[in-house]
Protein backbone atom coordinates (compact mmCIF):
# COMPACT_ATOMS: atom_id res chain seq x y z
CA MET A 1 -30.18 -28.16 -120.44
CA ASP A 2 -27.18 -27.56 -118.14
CA PHE A 3 -28.86 -29.74 -115.51
CA SER A 4 -29.29 -32.58 -118.01
CA TYR A 5 -25.62 -32.51 -118.97
CA ALA A 6 -24.65 -32.10 -115.32
CA PHE A 7 -26.71 -35.13 -114.37
CA LEU A 8 -25.13 -37.19 -117.16
CA ASN A 9 -21.63 -36.05 -116.18
CA GLN A 10 -22.14 -36.79 -112.49
CA LEU A 11 -23.81 -40.10 -113.32
CA MET A 12 -20.69 -41.14 -115.26
CA ARG A 13 -18.47 -39.95 -112.42
CA LEU A 14 -20.60 -41.86 -109.91
CA CYS A 15 -20.48 -45.01 -112.02
CA PHE A 16 -16.71 -44.61 -112.40
CA ALA A 17 -16.29 -44.27 -108.62
CA LEU A 18 -18.65 -47.18 -107.97
CA VAL A 19 -16.75 -49.37 -110.44
CA CYS A 20 -13.40 -48.56 -108.80
CA LEU A 21 -14.72 -49.07 -105.27
CA PRO A 22 -15.98 -52.67 -105.69
CA VAL A 23 -12.81 -53.58 -107.59
CA ALA A 24 -10.66 -52.27 -104.74
CA LEU A 25 -12.72 -53.98 -102.07
CA ALA A 26 -12.93 -57.30 -103.92
CA THR A 27 -9.28 -57.46 -105.04
CA PHE A 28 -7.06 -55.78 -102.45
CA ASN A 29 -6.09 -56.94 -99.00
CA ALA A 30 -6.75 -54.78 -95.94
CA SER A 31 -3.38 -52.99 -96.19
CA GLU A 32 -3.88 -52.17 -99.88
CA ILE A 33 -7.44 -50.97 -99.26
CA ASN A 34 -6.18 -48.61 -96.58
CA ILE A 35 -3.40 -47.33 -98.88
CA TRP A 36 -6.01 -46.73 -101.62
CA PHE A 37 -8.30 -44.72 -99.38
CA LEU A 38 -5.43 -42.81 -97.79
CA MET A 39 -4.21 -41.78 -101.26
CA MET A 40 -7.75 -40.65 -102.10
CA ALA A 41 -7.77 -38.63 -98.87
CA VAL A 42 -4.53 -36.84 -99.81
CA ILE A 43 -5.93 -36.12 -103.29
CA ALA A 44 -9.15 -34.75 -101.78
CA LEU A 45 -7.09 -32.52 -99.50
CA GLY A 46 -5.06 -31.29 -102.47
CA GLN A 47 -8.13 -30.54 -104.54
CA SER A 48 -9.34 -28.25 -101.78
CA PHE A 49 -6.27 -26.06 -102.37
CA SER A 50 -7.71 -24.90 -105.70
CA SER A 51 -11.39 -25.00 -104.80
CA GLY A 52 -11.67 -21.38 -103.73
CA LEU A 53 -9.50 -20.24 -106.63
CA SER A 54 -11.68 -22.05 -109.20
CA VAL A 55 -14.88 -20.57 -107.83
CA THR A 56 -13.39 -17.06 -107.73
CA VAL A 57 -12.00 -17.19 -111.29
CA ALA A 58 -15.31 -18.49 -112.68
CA ARG A 59 -17.26 -15.82 -110.77
CA PHE A 60 -15.01 -12.97 -111.91
CA LEU A 61 -15.22 -14.05 -115.55
CA SER A 62 -19.02 -14.24 -115.18
CA TYR A 63 -19.08 -10.65 -113.96
CA THR A 64 -17.02 -9.43 -116.93
CA LYS A 65 -19.39 -11.15 -119.37
CA VAL A 66 -22.18 -8.79 -118.30
CA GLY A 67 -19.86 -5.77 -118.58
CA ILE A 68 -18.90 -5.28 -114.94
CA GLY A 69 -15.32 -4.10 -114.50
CA MET A 70 -12.92 -5.34 -111.85
CA ARG A 71 -13.13 -2.00 -110.05
CA ASP A 72 -16.79 -2.80 -109.27
CA PHE A 73 -16.30 -6.40 -108.12
CA SER A 74 -16.45 -5.37 -104.47
CA ASP A 75 -20.15 -4.52 -104.85
CA VAL A 76 -21.63 -5.60 -108.16
CA THR A 77 -25.05 -4.23 -107.24
CA LYS A 78 -23.69 -0.66 -107.48
CA ALA A 79 -21.86 -1.04 -110.80
CA GLU A 80 -22.80 1.85 -113.09
CA ASP A 81 -20.51 2.03 -116.12
CA LYS A 82 -20.53 -1.03 -118.38
CA LEU A 83 -17.34 -2.16 -120.09
CA ARG A 84 -16.89 -1.97 -123.85
CA SER A 85 -16.30 -5.24 -125.71
CA SER A 86 -12.56 -4.57 -126.06
CA GLU A 87 -12.28 -3.78 -122.36
CA ILE A 88 -14.15 -6.97 -121.49
CA ARG A 89 -11.65 -9.07 -123.45
CA ASP A 90 -8.67 -7.29 -121.87
CA GLN A 91 -9.95 -7.90 -118.37
CA GLN A 92 -10.79 -11.53 -119.14
CA GLN A 93 -7.23 -12.05 -120.36
CA LEU A 94 -5.78 -10.52 -117.21
CA ILE A 95 -7.96 -12.76 -115.03
CA PHE A 96 -6.98 -15.82 -117.09
CA TRP A 97 -3.24 -15.19 -116.87
CA GLY A 98 -3.41 -14.21 -113.23
CA ALA A 99 -5.15 -17.51 -112.51
CA LYS A 100 -2.34 -19.41 -114.25
CA VAL A 101 0.23 -17.96 -111.87
CA LEU A 102 -1.86 -18.71 -108.79
CA TYR A 103 -2.59 -22.27 -109.97
CA ALA A 104 1.15 -22.86 -110.38
CA VAL A 105 1.71 -21.77 -106.78
CA VAL A 106 -1.12 -24.00 -105.55
CA THR A 107 0.31 -26.97 -107.46
CA LEU A 108 3.69 -26.49 -105.78
CA ILE A 109 1.96 -26.52 -102.39
CA PHE A 110 0.29 -29.80 -103.37
CA VAL A 111 3.70 -31.29 -104.29
CA VAL A 112 4.95 -30.43 -100.79
CA THR A 113 1.80 -31.99 -99.32
CA TRP A 114 2.52 -35.30 -101.09
CA ILE A 115 6.11 -35.27 -99.82
CA LEU A 116 4.96 -34.71 -96.24
CA ALA A 117 2.25 -37.37 -96.58
CA TYR A 118 4.80 -39.91 -97.76
CA VAL A 119 7.31 -39.12 -95.02
CA PHE A 120 4.84 -39.16 -92.12
CA ILE A 121 2.06 -41.52 -93.29
CA PHE A 122 2.78 -43.81 -96.22
CA SER A 123 6.29 -44.71 -95.06
CA GLU A 124 4.64 -46.52 -92.12
CA TYR A 125 3.35 -49.23 -94.46
CA GLY A 126 5.68 -52.05 -95.44
CA ASP A 127 9.46 -52.11 -95.06
CA PRO A 128 10.63 -48.63 -93.93
CA ASP A 129 13.68 -48.88 -96.18
CA SER A 130 11.87 -49.93 -99.35
CA THR A 131 8.08 -50.02 -99.15
CA PRO A 132 6.28 -51.91 -101.94
CA TYR A 133 4.04 -48.91 -102.49
CA ASP A 134 6.72 -46.35 -103.38
CA GLY A 135 6.22 -46.48 -107.14
CA ILE A 136 2.42 -46.39 -106.85
CA ILE A 137 2.49 -43.36 -104.59
CA VAL A 138 4.89 -41.49 -106.88
CA ILE A 139 2.74 -42.18 -109.97
CA VAL A 140 -0.46 -41.09 -108.25
CA ALA A 141 1.25 -37.99 -106.82
CA VAL A 142 2.59 -36.86 -110.21
CA LEU A 143 -0.69 -37.43 -112.04
CA SER A 144 -2.79 -35.75 -109.34
CA CYS A 145 -0.50 -32.69 -109.27
CA CYS A 146 -0.78 -32.33 -113.06
CA SER A 147 -4.57 -32.61 -112.80
CA LEU A 148 -4.64 -29.87 -110.19
CA TYR A 149 -2.71 -27.47 -112.42
CA PHE A 150 -4.89 -28.08 -115.50
CA GLN A 151 -8.05 -27.59 -113.44
CA GLN A 152 -7.75 -23.86 -114.16
CA TYR A 153 -9.15 -24.38 -117.67
CA GLN A 154 -12.40 -25.78 -116.30
CA ALA A 155 -12.89 -22.64 -114.21
CA THR A 156 -12.30 -20.53 -117.34
CA LEU A 157 -14.86 -22.37 -119.45
CA GLU A 158 -17.45 -22.26 -116.67
CA GLY A 159 -16.87 -18.56 -116.12
CA MET A 160 -17.29 -17.88 -119.85
CA GLY A 161 -20.70 -19.57 -119.79
CA LEU A 162 -19.69 -22.89 -121.38
CA VAL A 163 -20.86 -25.04 -118.49
CA ALA A 164 -22.67 -27.46 -120.82
CA LEU A 165 -19.45 -28.08 -122.75
CA VAL A 166 -17.60 -28.89 -119.52
CA GLN A 167 -20.31 -31.35 -118.54
CA LYS A 168 -20.29 -33.03 -121.96
CA ILE A 169 -16.52 -33.51 -121.80
CA GLY A 170 -16.76 -34.89 -118.29
CA ALA A 171 -19.47 -37.39 -119.24
CA ALA A 172 -17.52 -38.62 -122.28
CA VAL A 173 -14.17 -38.95 -120.49
CA TYR A 174 -15.56 -40.74 -117.44
CA ALA A 175 -17.56 -43.10 -119.65
CA LEU A 176 -14.25 -43.92 -121.31
CA GLY A 177 -12.75 -44.34 -117.85
CA ILE A 178 -15.35 -46.96 -116.95
CA LEU A 179 -14.41 -48.94 -120.06
CA LEU A 180 -10.71 -48.59 -119.19
CA VAL A 181 -11.21 -50.00 -115.69
CA LEU A 182 -13.30 -52.89 -117.04
CA ALA A 183 -10.62 -53.60 -119.66
CA LEU A 184 -7.99 -53.78 -116.92
CA GLY A 185 -10.00 -56.61 -115.43
CA LEU A 186 -9.02 -58.79 -118.38
CA PHE A 187 -5.40 -58.66 -117.20
CA GLY A 188 -6.10 -58.77 -113.47
CA PHE A 189 -6.38 -55.80 -111.14
CA THR A 190 -3.51 -54.58 -109.02
CA LEU A 191 -3.26 -51.57 -106.76
CA ALA A 192 -0.78 -49.98 -109.19
CA SER A 193 -2.92 -50.47 -112.31
CA LEU A 194 -6.17 -49.30 -110.71
CA ALA A 195 -4.58 -46.27 -109.01
CA ALA A 196 -2.80 -45.23 -112.22
CA ALA A 197 -5.93 -45.74 -114.35
CA HIS A 198 -8.00 -43.70 -111.91
CA GLN A 199 -5.64 -40.72 -112.05
CA VAL A 200 -5.06 -41.01 -115.82
CA VAL A 201 -8.80 -40.60 -116.38
CA VAL A 202 -8.92 -37.54 -114.09
CA LEU A 203 -5.93 -35.97 -115.86
CA LEU A 204 -7.36 -36.79 -119.32
CA HIS A 205 -10.57 -35.01 -118.30
CA PHE A 206 -8.73 -31.77 -117.56
CA LEU A 207 -6.46 -32.10 -120.62
CA VAL A 208 -9.48 -32.32 -122.93
CA ILE A 209 -11.00 -29.29 -121.19
CA ALA A 210 -7.68 -27.44 -121.66
CA TRP A 211 -7.75 -28.30 -125.37
CA ALA A 212 -11.36 -27.03 -125.65
CA ASN A 213 -10.31 -23.84 -123.90
CA TYR A 214 -7.42 -23.42 -126.33
CA ARG A 215 -9.72 -23.83 -129.31
CA ARG A 216 -12.45 -21.50 -128.00
CA PHE A 217 -10.40 -18.64 -126.60
CA LYS A 218 -7.13 -17.20 -127.86
CA PHE A 219 -6.04 -15.92 -124.46
CA ARG A 220 -2.54 -17.15 -125.29
CA ARG A 221 -2.27 -14.16 -127.68
CA VAL A 222 -2.17 -11.34 -125.21
CA ASP A 223 -3.02 -7.84 -126.39
CA THR A 224 -2.44 -6.10 -123.08
CA LYS A 225 0.94 -4.70 -122.09
CA LEU A 226 1.20 -6.73 -118.93
CA VAL A 227 0.49 -10.45 -119.15
CA VAL A 228 0.35 -10.73 -115.38
CA SER A 229 -0.87 -7.73 -113.42
CA SER A 230 0.01 -7.53 -109.75
CA GLY A 231 -3.28 -5.74 -109.17
CA VAL A 232 -5.26 -8.57 -110.77
CA LEU A 233 -3.27 -11.18 -108.83
CA PHE A 234 -4.08 -9.39 -105.60
CA LEU A 235 -7.77 -9.02 -106.53
CA ILE A 236 -8.12 -12.74 -107.31
CA PHE A 237 -6.09 -13.72 -104.27
CA GLN A 238 -8.03 -11.39 -102.00
CA LYS A 239 -11.31 -13.20 -102.65
CA ALA A 240 -9.90 -16.64 -103.43
CA ARG A 241 -7.95 -16.75 -100.16
CA LEU A 242 -11.19 -16.64 -98.17
CA SER A 243 -12.83 -19.45 -100.16
CA SER A 244 -9.55 -21.37 -100.31
CA TYR A 245 -9.06 -21.03 -96.57
CA THR A 246 -12.54 -22.45 -96.08
CA ALA A 247 -12.03 -25.31 -98.53
CA ILE A 248 -8.59 -26.24 -97.19
CA VAL A 249 -9.59 -26.15 -93.54
CA SER A 250 -12.84 -28.00 -94.25
CA SER A 251 -11.02 -30.67 -96.23
CA ALA A 252 -8.28 -30.91 -93.61
CA LEU A 253 -10.87 -31.51 -90.90
CA LYS A 254 -12.43 -34.21 -93.09
CA GLN A 255 -9.17 -35.93 -94.10
CA VAL A 256 -6.37 -35.27 -91.61
CA PRO A 257 -7.98 -36.91 -88.53
CA PHE A 258 -8.53 -40.09 -90.54
CA LEU A 259 -4.93 -40.00 -91.75
CA VAL A 260 -3.74 -39.58 -88.16
CA VAL A 261 -5.85 -42.36 -86.63
CA SER A 262 -4.91 -44.71 -89.49
CA ALA A 263 -1.72 -45.50 -87.59
CA TYR A 264 -3.62 -46.58 -84.47
CA LEU A 265 -6.71 -48.45 -85.73
CA SER A 266 -6.84 -52.09 -86.74
CA GLY A 267 -7.18 -52.90 -90.44
CA SER A 268 -10.88 -53.87 -90.37
CA THR A 269 -11.94 -50.96 -88.14
CA LEU A 270 -10.06 -48.46 -90.31
CA SER A 271 -11.54 -49.97 -93.47
CA ASN A 272 -15.09 -49.59 -92.12
CA LEU A 273 -14.43 -45.97 -91.23
CA LEU A 274 -12.74 -45.07 -94.53
CA ILE A 275 -15.34 -46.84 -96.69
CA THR A 276 -18.20 -45.06 -94.88
CA LYS A 277 -16.46 -41.72 -95.30
CA ARG A 278 -15.80 -42.42 -98.99
CA LEU A 279 -19.43 -43.32 -99.70
CA TYR A 280 -20.63 -39.98 -98.35
CA GLU A 281 -17.84 -38.12 -100.17
CA ILE A 282 -19.09 -39.56 -103.46
CA LEU A 283 -22.64 -38.55 -102.58
CA GLU A 284 -21.58 -35.03 -101.55
CA THR A 285 -19.60 -34.60 -104.76
CA PHE A 286 -22.68 -35.40 -106.83
CA ALA A 287 -25.00 -33.14 -104.78
CA SER A 288 -22.59 -30.18 -104.72
CA ALA A 289 -21.91 -30.48 -108.46
CA LEU A 290 -25.42 -29.20 -109.19
CA PHE A 291 -24.47 -25.95 -107.43
CA THR A 292 -21.12 -25.87 -109.21
CA VAL A 293 -22.87 -26.10 -112.58
CA LYS A 294 -25.23 -23.23 -111.87
CA ASN A 295 -22.95 -20.92 -109.85
CA PRO A 296 -21.62 -18.99 -112.89
CA GLU A 297 -25.15 -18.45 -114.22
CA LEU A 298 -26.42 -17.42 -110.78
CA SER A 299 -23.53 -14.95 -110.45
CA ARG A 300 -24.37 -13.41 -113.84
CA LEU A 301 -28.08 -13.16 -112.97
CA PHE A 302 -27.28 -11.47 -109.68
CA ALA A 303 -24.78 -9.08 -111.29
CA SER A 304 -27.36 -8.07 -113.90
CA GLN A 305 -29.98 -7.71 -111.12
CA ASN A 306 -32.36 -10.19 -112.78
CA MET A 307 -33.58 -11.34 -109.39
CA PHE A 308 -36.74 -13.09 -110.62
CA ASP A 309 -34.75 -15.56 -112.72
CA TYR A 310 -32.07 -15.71 -110.04
CA HIS A 311 -34.51 -16.97 -107.40
CA HIS A 312 -36.14 -19.36 -109.84
CA VAL A 313 -32.82 -21.00 -110.80
CA LEU A 314 -31.70 -21.06 -107.16
CA ARG A 315 -34.87 -22.83 -106.00
CA LEU A 316 -34.53 -25.47 -108.70
CA THR A 317 -30.83 -26.00 -107.88
CA CYS A 318 -31.56 -26.43 -104.16
CA PHE A 319 -34.44 -28.82 -104.82
CA LEU A 320 -32.41 -31.11 -107.08
CA SER A 321 -29.28 -31.03 -104.93
CA PHE A 322 -31.01 -31.81 -101.63
CA SER A 323 -33.39 -34.36 -103.16
CA PHE A 324 -30.48 -36.33 -104.54
CA PHE A 325 -28.58 -36.10 -101.25
CA ILE A 326 -31.52 -37.36 -99.20
CA VAL A 327 -32.29 -40.26 -101.55
CA GLY A 328 -28.60 -41.20 -101.73
CA SER A 329 -28.28 -41.13 -97.93
CA VAL A 330 -31.24 -43.47 -97.55
CA VAL A 331 -29.67 -45.89 -100.01
CA ILE A 332 -26.33 -45.80 -98.17
CA VAL A 333 -27.93 -46.36 -94.76
CA LEU A 334 -30.23 -49.20 -95.85
CA LEU A 335 -28.32 -51.02 -98.57
CA SER A 336 -24.59 -50.20 -98.52
CA GLU A 337 -23.60 -52.90 -96.03
CA VAL A 338 -25.48 -55.65 -97.89
CA LEU A 339 -24.28 -54.55 -101.34
CA ILE A 340 -20.61 -54.11 -100.41
CA ASN A 341 -20.41 -57.41 -98.53
CA SER A 342 -21.82 -59.22 -101.57
CA PHE A 343 -18.55 -58.68 -103.45
CA SER A 344 -15.97 -57.36 -100.96
CA ALA A 345 -13.04 -59.52 -99.90
CA THR A 346 -12.93 -57.51 -96.66
CA GLU A 347 -16.01 -57.50 -94.42
CA PHE A 348 -17.81 -54.15 -94.27
CA SER A 349 -19.75 -53.82 -91.02
CA PRO A 350 -19.85 -50.17 -89.86
CA GLY A 351 -23.20 -50.54 -88.15
CA LEU A 352 -26.38 -48.54 -88.59
CA THR A 353 -25.40 -45.90 -86.02
CA LEU A 354 -22.20 -44.89 -87.84
CA LEU A 355 -23.98 -44.70 -91.20
CA LEU A 356 -26.81 -42.59 -89.76
CA LEU A 357 -24.48 -40.20 -87.95
CA PHE A 358 -22.38 -39.62 -91.07
CA GLY A 359 -25.58 -39.03 -93.05
CA VAL A 360 -26.91 -36.41 -90.62
CA GLY A 361 -23.51 -34.74 -90.31
CA ASN A 362 -23.03 -34.45 -94.07
CA PHE A 363 -26.60 -33.15 -94.51
CA GLY A 364 -25.86 -30.30 -92.10
CA ALA A 365 -22.64 -29.55 -93.98
CA ARG A 366 -24.57 -29.52 -97.30
CA CYS A 367 -27.08 -26.98 -95.87
CA ASN A 368 -24.28 -24.66 -94.76
CA ALA A 369 -22.42 -25.05 -98.06
CA ALA A 370 -25.55 -24.11 -100.02
CA CYS A 371 -26.04 -20.94 -97.96
CA LEU A 372 -22.39 -19.94 -98.38
CA SER A 373 -22.58 -20.51 -102.15
CA VAL A 374 -25.47 -18.04 -102.23
CA CYS A 375 -23.31 -15.48 -100.40
CA ASN A 376 -20.59 -15.89 -103.01
CA HIS A 377 -22.95 -14.95 -105.86
CA SER A 378 -22.83 -11.35 -104.65
CA ASN A 379 -19.07 -11.58 -104.03
CA ASN A 380 -19.69 -11.27 -100.29
CA VAL A 381 -17.56 -14.19 -99.17
CA LYS A 382 -18.49 -15.11 -95.60
CA GLU A 383 -17.54 -18.79 -95.49
CA HIS A 384 -14.25 -18.12 -93.70
CA TRP A 385 -16.18 -17.01 -90.60
CA ALA A 386 -18.29 -20.15 -90.68
CA ILE A 387 -15.32 -22.49 -90.97
CA THR A 388 -13.46 -20.61 -88.23
CA MET A 389 -16.35 -21.23 -85.85
CA TYR A 390 -16.33 -24.88 -86.89
CA VAL A 391 -12.58 -25.19 -86.27
CA LEU A 392 -12.96 -23.78 -82.76
CA LEU A 393 -15.78 -26.22 -82.08
CA TYR A 394 -13.75 -29.11 -83.50
CA VAL A 395 -10.68 -28.34 -81.41
CA LEU A 396 -12.73 -28.00 -78.22
CA THR A 397 -14.87 -31.12 -78.66
CA ILE A 398 -13.08 -33.78 -80.72
CA VAL A 399 -10.91 -35.13 -77.88
CA PRO A 400 -13.69 -35.48 -75.28
CA LEU A 401 -16.08 -36.81 -77.92
CA TYR A 402 -13.54 -39.39 -79.11
CA GLY A 403 -13.01 -40.49 -75.53
CA ALA A 404 -16.75 -40.90 -75.03
CA PHE A 405 -17.95 -42.18 -78.42
CA GLY A 406 -14.88 -43.50 -80.26
CA LEU A 407 -15.37 -43.63 -84.03
CA TYR A 408 -18.76 -41.93 -83.71
CA SER A 409 -17.00 -38.73 -82.60
CA PHE A 410 -16.03 -37.75 -86.20
CA ALA A 411 -19.64 -37.65 -87.32
CA SER A 412 -20.86 -36.20 -84.01
CA VAL A 413 -18.68 -33.11 -84.33
CA MET A 414 -19.99 -32.61 -87.89
CA ILE A 415 -23.54 -32.61 -86.55
CA LEU A 416 -22.70 -30.09 -83.83
CA GLY A 417 -20.92 -27.87 -86.34
CA GLY A 418 -23.86 -27.93 -88.72
CA ILE A 419 -26.32 -26.98 -85.99
CA ILE A 420 -24.18 -24.11 -84.68
CA ASN A 421 -23.25 -22.68 -88.09
CA LEU A 422 -26.60 -22.87 -89.87
CA PRO A 423 -28.21 -19.79 -88.22
CA TYR A 424 -25.19 -17.66 -89.25
CA THR A 425 -24.93 -18.98 -92.82
CA TRP A 426 -28.67 -18.58 -93.42
CA TRP A 427 -28.58 -15.01 -92.07
CA ALA A 428 -25.58 -14.17 -94.27
CA ALA A 429 -27.21 -15.61 -97.40
CA SER A 430 -30.42 -13.69 -96.71
CA LYS A 431 -28.75 -10.38 -95.92
CA TYR A 432 -26.03 -10.20 -98.57
CA THR A 433 -27.66 -11.92 -101.55
CA LEU A 434 -31.27 -13.06 -101.29
CA ARG A 435 -32.48 -9.60 -100.18
CA ALA A 436 -29.77 -7.51 -101.81
CA GLY A 437 -31.35 -7.22 -105.25
CA SER A 438 -33.29 -4.25 -106.52
CA VAL A 439 -36.60 -3.69 -104.77
CA ALA A 440 -38.54 -3.82 -108.00
CA SER A 441 -37.33 -7.29 -108.89
CA ARG A 442 -37.06 -8.80 -105.44
CA VAL A 443 -38.78 -12.10 -104.76
CA ASP A 444 -38.92 -13.64 -101.29
CA PHE A 445 -36.96 -16.87 -101.19
């Protein structure tokens, strides 16, 4: 049932993104299109700040639901004493309030990121003294920062096993968002109206989830003596920092180079590059969401050592995620240029080579991400090693590759990184999770 709701939610998100994309391409000039995609790049970078924190909070709450205390989080397979119901609630409250503090810190970092992006990137567009995009950027920055802070409530609901509720809310809100964007068309689209509507829908999504969290759990009424425990903060930070480091560095490698080269590429060339990147980002979001939906359940199954069901759910998740990614990549490669040019005011002509290279590069990244998600189920976070190897490869190869292949270099380095990292990520997933269950219940993956 979770998969059904997840599919509906992601379908609404995909439709929302695909409604906004044609509107932007058909309505805006080249400068406005570039501003739109650059703002989306900054938002994507900011969302990575909380990615590791969200996964960690959801995983920790999943562990407490099966009675595993925080003292056993380092190795859930060796947990012996189960928590009493009152102890479970106390630990869940501490995790919840600790997450609130860390999300506040992350949001402040995102605010600084927007300020730096405006000073060094967006101020280059228009009149340096008074750019016509100032108000738009401020509105999008404020709304996106609020969305980032309220994202904590989604992690809480997912960790407490209410994944279906999260997916239902997402489907309903993004369906409403589609109607909102279409209604704006009656008054004429502008960059300001579309950007604001896009971020209002995202913020509304998290506000509704926060309201559902408030109604379901009374964590605001704290029974413990300390609302925020330094020990809990350190425990969450200790694991979240590894996943967050991975998410931030990965996102930075995906977004920052494009932000940098935006100042040196012509409008049409930059548009082709940013549109291609955005198409695969939408596809990756949909494919990875299937893992996001099932990660709390997989963590609970692993913690309770129900390895038969764990492997069954994991196989199904992998099959659906990769099937969708492959089919979506074929559609992008074969049809995206024809479909986009049928309505776009700016010509989209990236060429088959660029589309294919981005497809192969993102497929390798999806394989590595799946293996690292499996590692996280056992709380053995290894993704920081994988991204460190990728960073070293990126630093050593991006300049010579760009000199030799130009725009193709961004996808080429993704392909190299996927090939080099996959043996390590597969080994880590096999050693720390797939073969770490009890011998009696072990099933070969």
